[in-house]
Structure formats: C-alpha cells, structure tokens
Amino acid sequence: MSERAAPFYCPYCGDEDLRPGEQGHGAWECAACNRAFQVKFLGLLARGLRRDDGGGAEI
C-alpha cells in the first residue's frame, strides 16, 4: 500500500513550505502566505467526455 500524494506547492502563492493542517485528512497549511486549503479527490472523468475549447486544429 502506498501513501497518498501530497501537494508540492501552495495553490495561492506557489511556495513549497507546506504542513498538514489540523482540520484532518486533505487539509494543508502554507507557512509563507498563512493560508489553509484542502485537497479533495472528486472522481474519475469518463473517457471521451472532454470539454472542447475550440482551440485545436483538426488534421
């Protein structure tokens, strides 16, 4: 069994000084910007149901 992945940087300031938060599973605290955030797995995307942004060229 492997450990769950941890975030490498803060999504707000980009700093790497993160520590697990007191709120429990998935909570992280950034020492640089003094913000707390949570990482949550929402689920798997169905294959073939990607959003078309219209930016790609067809060959």
PDB file of N, CA and C in Angstrom:
ATOM      1  N   MET A   1       0.845  -1.171   0.000  1.00  0.00           N
ATOM      2  CA  MET A   1       0.000   0.000   0.000  1.00  0.00           C
ATOM      3  C   MET A   1       0.895   1.240   0.000  1.00  0.00           C
ATOM      4  N   SER A   2       0.521   2.239  -0.791  1.00  0.00           N
ATOM      5  CA  SER A   2       1.331   3.448  -0.861  1.00  0.00           C
ATOM      6  C   SER A   2       0.630   4.602  -0.142  1.00  0.00           C
ATOM      7  N   GLU A   3       1.423   5.619   0.199  1.00  0.00           N
ATOM      8  CA  GLU A   3       0.866   6.801   0.838  1.00  0.00           C
ATOM      9  C   GLU A   3       0.165   7.667  -0.195  1.00  0.00           C
ATOM     10  N   ARG A   4      -0.732   8.490   0.253  1.00  0.00           N
ATOM     11  CA  ARG A   4      -1.403   9.429  -0.638  1.00  0.00           C
ATOM     12  C   ARG A   4      -0.434  10.531  -1.027  1.00  0.00           C
ATOM     13  N   ALA A   5      -0.636  11.074  -2.204  1.00  0.00           N
ATOM     14  CA  ALA A   5       0.231  12.128  -2.698  1.00  0.00           C
ATOM     15  C   ALA A   5      -0.033  13.427  -1.938  1.00  0.00           C
ATOM     16  N   ALA A   6       1.017  14.160  -1.700  1.00  0.00           N
ATOM     17  CA  ALA A   6       0.927  15.453  -1.034  1.00  0.00           C
ATOM     18  C   ALA A   6       1.153  16.555  -2.059  1.00  0.00           C
ATOM     19  N   PRO A   7       0.540  17.730  -1.864  1.00  0.00           N
ATOM     20  CA  PRO A   7       0.786  18.828  -2.798  1.00  0.00           C
ATOM     21  C   PRO A   7       2.243  19.291  -2.692  1.00  0.00           C
ATOM     22  N   PHE A   8       2.800  19.719  -3.799  1.00  0.00           N
ATOM     23  CA  PHE A   8       4.194  20.173  -3.830  1.00  0.00           C
ATOM     24  C   PHE A   8       4.320  21.665  -3.583  1.00  0.00           C
ATOM     25  N   TYR A   9       3.238  22.414  -3.827  1.00  0.00           N
ATOM     26  CA  TYR A   9       3.301  23.867  -3.647  1.00  0.00           C
ATOM     27  C   TYR A   9       1.911  24.406  -3.303  1.00  0.00           C
ATOM     28  N   CYS A  10       1.897  25.588  -2.721  1.00  0.00           N
ATOM     29  CA  CYS A  10       0.651  26.243  -2.345  1.00  0.00           C
ATOM     30  C   CYS A  10      -0.067  26.736  -3.599  1.00  0.00           C
ATOM     31  N   PRO A  11      -1.373  26.471  -3.737  1.00  0.00           N
ATOM     32  CA  PRO A  11      -2.102  26.934  -4.917  1.00  0.00           C
ATOM     33  C   PRO A  11      -2.325  28.450  -4.923  1.00  0.00           C
ATOM     34  N   TYR A  12      -2.053  29.122  -3.826  1.00  0.00           N
ATOM     35  CA  TYR A  12      -2.261  30.570  -3.735  1.00  0.00           C
ATOM     36  C   TYR A  12      -0.987  31.363  -4.007  1.00  0.00           C
ATOM     37  N   CYS A  13       0.118  30.982  -3.365  1.00  0.00           N
ATOM     38  CA  CYS A  13       1.350  31.769  -3.515  1.00  0.00           C
ATOM     39  C   CYS A  13       2.469  31.005  -4.225  1.00  0.00           C
ATOM     40  N   GLY A  14       2.338  29.698  -4.358  1.00  0.00           N
ATOM     41  CA  GLY A  14       3.349  28.905  -5.046  1.00  0.00           C
ATOM     42  C   GLY A  14       4.512  28.450  -4.178  1.00  0.00           C
ATOM     43  N   ASP A  15       4.514  28.811  -2.915  1.00  0.00           N
ATOM     44  CA  ASP A  15       5.608  28.420  -2.029  1.00  0.00           C
ATOM     45  C   ASP A  15       5.519  26.927  -1.701  1.00  0.00           C
ATOM     46  N   GLU A  16       6.647  26.355  -1.280  1.00  0.00           N
ATOM     47  CA  GLU A  16       6.722  24.921  -1.002  1.00  0.00           C
ATOM     48  C   GLU A  16       6.738  24.588   0.483  1.00  0.00           C
ATOM     49  N   ASP A  17       6.568  25.581   1.349  1.00  0.00           N
ATOM     50  CA  ASP A  17       6.622  25.360   2.799  1.00  0.00           C
ATOM     51  C   ASP A  17       5.229  24.983   3.314  1.00  0.00           C
ATOM     52  N   LEU A  18       4.833  23.736   3.061  1.00  0.00           N
ATOM     53  CA  LEU A  18       3.506  23.245   3.438  1.00  0.00           C
ATOM     54  C   LEU A  18       3.602  22.258   4.585  1.00  0.00           C
ATOM     55  N   ARG A  19       2.566  22.283   5.409  1.00  0.00           N
ATOM     56  CA  ARG A  19       2.473  21.341   6.517  1.00  0.00           C
ATOM     57  C   ARG A  19       1.046  20.815   6.586  1.00  0.00           C
ATOM     58  N   PRO A  20       0.853  19.568   7.043  1.00  0.00           N
ATOM     59  CA  PRO A  20      -0.517  19.049   7.191  1.00  0.00           C
ATOM     60  C   PRO A  20      -1.318  19.929   8.147  1.00  0.00           C
ATOM     61  N   GLY A  21      -2.577  20.187   7.804  1.00  0.00           N
ATOM     62  CA  GLY A  21      -3.424  21.039   8.626  1.00  0.00           C
ATOM     63  C   GLY A  21      -4.057  20.291   9.775  1.00  0.00           C
ATOM     64  N   GLU A  22      -4.549  21.053  10.738  1.00  0.00           N
ATOM     65  CA  GLU A  22      -5.182  20.475  11.918  1.00  0.00           C
ATOM     66  C   GLU A  22      -6.597  19.976  11.637  1.00  0.00           C
ATOM     67  N   GLN A  23      -7.199  20.387  10.509  1.00  0.00           N
ATOM     68  CA  GLN A  23      -8.579  20.031  10.201  1.00  0.00           C
ATOM     69  C   GLN A  23      -8.741  18.570   9.813  1.00  0.00           C
ATOM     70  N   GLY A  24      -7.667  17.888   9.550  1.00  0.00           N
ATOM     71  CA  GLY A  24      -7.774  16.471   9.241  1.00  0.00           C
ATOM     72  C   GLY A  24      -7.337  16.133   7.836  1.00  0.00           C
ATOM     73  N   HIS A  25      -7.869  15.032   7.315  1.00  0.00           N
ATOM     74  CA  HIS A  25      -7.449  14.478   6.032  1.00  0.00           C
ATOM     75  C   HIS A  25      -7.585  15.470   4.878  1.00  0.00           C
ATOM     76  N   GLY A  26      -6.512  15.684   4.164  1.00  0.00           N
ATOM     77  CA  GLY A  26      -6.533  16.537   2.988  1.00  0.00           C
ATOM     78  C   GLY A  26      -6.314  18.008   3.257  1.00  0.00           C
ATOM     79  N   ALA A  27      -6.199  18.407   4.505  1.00  0.00           N
ATOM     80  CA  ALA A  27      -6.004  19.813   4.851  1.00  0.00           C
ATOM     81  C   ALA A  27      -4.511  20.136   4.926  1.00  0.00           C
ATOM     82  N   TRP A  28      -4.145  21.287   4.372  1.00  0.00           N
ATOM     83  CA  TRP A  28      -2.753  21.731   4.357  1.00  0.00           C
ATOM     84  C   TRP A  28      -2.669  23.187   4.742  1.00  0.00           C
ATOM     85  N   GLU A  29      -1.540  23.579   5.347  1.00  0.00           N
ATOM     86  CA  GLU A  29      -1.303  24.960   5.734  1.00  0.00           C
ATOM     87  C   GLU A  29      -0.015  25.437   5.089  1.00  0.00           C
ATOM     88  N   CYS A  30      -0.042  26.661   4.556  1.00  0.00           N
ATOM     89  CA  CYS A  30       1.137  27.256   3.935  1.00  0.00           C
ATOM     90  C   CYS A  30       1.740  28.255   4.917  1.00  0.00           C
ATOM     91  N   ALA A  31       3.003  28.065   5.261  1.00  0.00           N
ATOM     92  CA  ALA A  31       3.665  28.959   6.203  1.00  0.00           C
ATOM     93  C   ALA A  31       4.021  30.296   5.551  1.00  0.00           C
ATOM     94  N   ALA A  32       4.160  30.328   4.230  1.00  0.00           N
ATOM     95  CA  ALA A  32       4.569  31.546   3.540  1.00  0.00           C
ATOM     96  C   ALA A  32       3.443  32.580   3.469  1.00  0.00           C
ATOM     97  N   CYS A  33       2.230  32.163   3.081  1.00  0.00           N
ATOM     98  CA  CYS A  33       1.123  33.118   2.925  1.00  0.00           C
ATOM     99  C   CYS A  33       0.079  32.987   4.032  1.00  0.00           C
ATOM    100  N   ASN A  34       0.296  32.051   4.964  1.00  0.00           N
ATOM    101  CA  ASN A  34      -0.580  31.855   6.122  1.00  0.00           C
ATOM    102  C   ASN A  34      -2.006  31.472   5.715  1.00  0.00           C
ATOM    103  N   ARG A  35      -2.129  30.683   4.648  1.00  0.00           N
ATOM    104  CA  ARG A  35      -3.440  30.216   4.198  1.00  0.00           C
ATOM    105  C   ARG A  35      -3.559  28.714   4.437  1.00  0.00           C
ATOM    106  N   ALA A  36      -4.792  28.286   4.584  1.00  0.00           N
ATOM    107  CA  ALA A  36      -5.088  26.855   4.713  1.00  0.00           C
ATOM    108  C   ALA A  36      -5.960  26.461   3.526  1.00  0.00           C
ATOM    109  N   PHE A  37      -5.733  25.252   3.022  1.00  0.00           N
ATOM    110  CA  PHE A  37      -6.533  24.755   1.904  1.00  0.00           C
ATOM    111  C   PHE A  37      -6.694  23.252   2.049  1.00  0.00           C
ATOM    112  N   GLN A  38      -7.615  22.704   1.280  1.00  0.00           N
ATOM    113  CA  GLN A  38      -7.882  21.277   1.348  1.00  0.00           C
ATOM    114  C   GLN A  38      -7.803  20.665  -0.042  1.00  0.00           C
ATOM    115  N   VAL A  39      -7.200  19.483  -0.127  1.00  0.00           N
ATOM    116  CA  VAL A  39      -7.111  18.734  -1.375  1.00  0.00           C
ATOM    117  C   VAL A  39      -8.151  17.620  -1.298  1.00  0.00           C
ATOM    118  N   LYS A  40      -9.007  17.545  -2.330  1.00  0.00           N
ATOM    119  CA  LYS A  40     -10.087  16.570  -2.313  1.00  0.00           C
ATOM    120  C   LYS A  40     -10.200  15.896  -3.677  1.00  0.00           C
ATOM    121  N   PHE A  41     -10.276  14.588  -3.684  1.00  0.00           N
ATOM    122  CA  PHE A  41     -10.468  13.821  -4.912  1.00  0.00           C
ATOM    123  C   PHE A  41     -11.953  13.811  -5.241  1.00  0.00           C
ATOM    124  N   LEU A  42     -12.302  14.280  -6.431  1.00  0.00           N
ATOM    125  CA  LEU A  42     -13.705  14.352  -6.820  1.00  0.00           C
ATOM    126  C   LEU A  42     -14.184  13.126  -7.571  1.00  0.00           C
ATOM    127  N   GLY A  43     -13.296  12.441  -8.295  1.00  0.00           N
ATOM    128  CA  GLY A  43     -13.692  11.254  -9.039  1.00  0.00           C
ATOM    129  C   GLY A  43     -12.970  11.183 -10.364  1.00  0.00           C
ATOM    130  N   LEU A  44     -13.252  10.149 -11.114  1.00  0.00           N
ATOM    131  CA  LEU A  44     -12.641   9.959 -12.417  1.00  0.00           C
ATOM    132  C   LEU A  44     -13.518  10.547 -13.510  1.00  0.00           C
ATOM    133  N   LEU A  45     -12.882  11.084 -14.534  1.00  0.00           N
ATOM    134  CA  LEU A  45     -13.612  11.607 -15.680  1.00  0.00           C
ATOM    135  C   LEU A  45     -13.883  10.476 -16.664  1.00  0.00           C
ATOM    136  N   ALA A  46     -15.040  10.497 -17.277  1.00  0.00           N
ATOM    137  CA  ALA A  46     -15.360   9.495 -18.277  1.00  0.00           C
ATOM    138  C   ALA A  46     -14.545   9.777 -19.531  1.00  0.00           C
ATOM    139  N   ARG A  47     -13.972   8.765 -20.099  1.00  0.00           N
ATOM    140  CA  ARG A  47     -13.150   8.931 -21.299  1.00  0.00           C
ATOM    141  C   ARG A  47     -14.024   9.383 -22.460  1.00  0.00           C
ATOM    142  N   GLY A  48     -13.553  10.357 -23.214  1.00  0.00           N
ATOM    143  CA  GLY A  48     -14.283  10.858 -24.349  1.00  0.00           C
ATOM    144  C   GLY A  48     -15.225  12.001 -24.034  1.00  0.00           C
ATOM    145  N   LEU A  49     -15.324  12.386 -22.775  1.00  0.00           N
ATOM    146  CA  LEU A  49     -16.203  13.486 -22.393  1.00  0.00           C
ATOM    147  C   LEU A  49     -15.389  14.727 -22.019  1.00  0.00           C
ATOM    148  N   ARG A  50     -14.374  15.004 -22.788  1.00  0.00           N
ATOM    149  CA  ARG A  50     -13.556  16.180 -22.528  1.00  0.00           C
ATOM    150  C   ARG A  50     -14.233  17.414 -23.104  1.00  0.00           C
ATOM    151  N   ARG A  51     -13.990  18.530 -22.471  1.00  0.00           N
ATOM    152  CA  ARG A  51     -14.550  19.795 -22.919  1.00  0.00           C
ATOM    153  C   ARG A  51     -13.808  20.267 -24.160  1.00  0.00           C
ATOM    154  N   ASP A  52     -14.524  20.690 -25.193  1.00  0.00           N
ATOM    155  CA  ASP A  52     -13.916  21.183 -26.420  1.00  0.00           C
ATOM    156  C   ASP A  52     -13.818  22.690 -26.333  1.00  0.00           C
ATOM    157  N   ASP A  53     -12.596  23.216 -26.232  1.00  0.00           N
ATOM    158  CA  ASP A  53     -12.422  24.661 -26.114  1.00  0.00           C
ATOM    159  C   ASP A  53     -12.321  25.348 -27.465  1.00  0.00           C
ATOM    160  N   GLY A  54     -12.314  24.585 -28.547  1.00  0.00           N
ATOM    161  CA  GLY A  54     -12.285  25.155 -29.877  1.00  0.00           C
ATOM    162  C   GLY A  54     -10.925  25.683 -30.298  1.00  0.00           C
ATOM    163  N   GLY A  55      -9.898  25.457 -29.490  1.00  0.00           N
ATOM    164  CA  GLY A  55      -8.570  25.993 -29.798  1.00  0.00           C
ATOM    165  C   GLY A  55      -7.697  25.070 -30.619  1.00  0.00           C
ATOM    166  N   GLY A  56      -8.075  23.822 -30.773  1.00  0.00           N
ATOM    167  CA  GLY A  56      -7.235  22.869 -31.500  1.00  0.00           C
ATOM    168  C   GLY A  56      -7.578  22.823 -32.980  1.00  0.00           C
ATOM    169  N   ALA A  57      -6.581  22.570 -33.766  1.00  0.00           N
ATOM    170  CA  ALA A  57      -6.799  22.450 -35.208  1.00  0.00           C
ATOM    171  C   ALA A  57      -6.928  20.984 -35.575  1.00  0.00           C
ATOM    172  N   GLU A  58      -7.849  20.686 -36.463  1.00  0.00           N
ATOM    173  CA  GLU A  58      -8.003  19.302 -36.925  1.00  0.00           C
ATOM    174  C   GLU A  58      -7.087  19.047 -38.102  1.00  0.00           C
ATOM    175  N   ILE A  59      -6.584  17.847 -38.174  1.00  0.00           N
ATOM    176  CA  ILE A  59      -5.677  17.462 -39.268  1.00  0.00           C
ATOM    177  C   ILE A  59      -6.428  16.656 -40.292  1.00  0.00           C
TER     178      ILE A  59
END
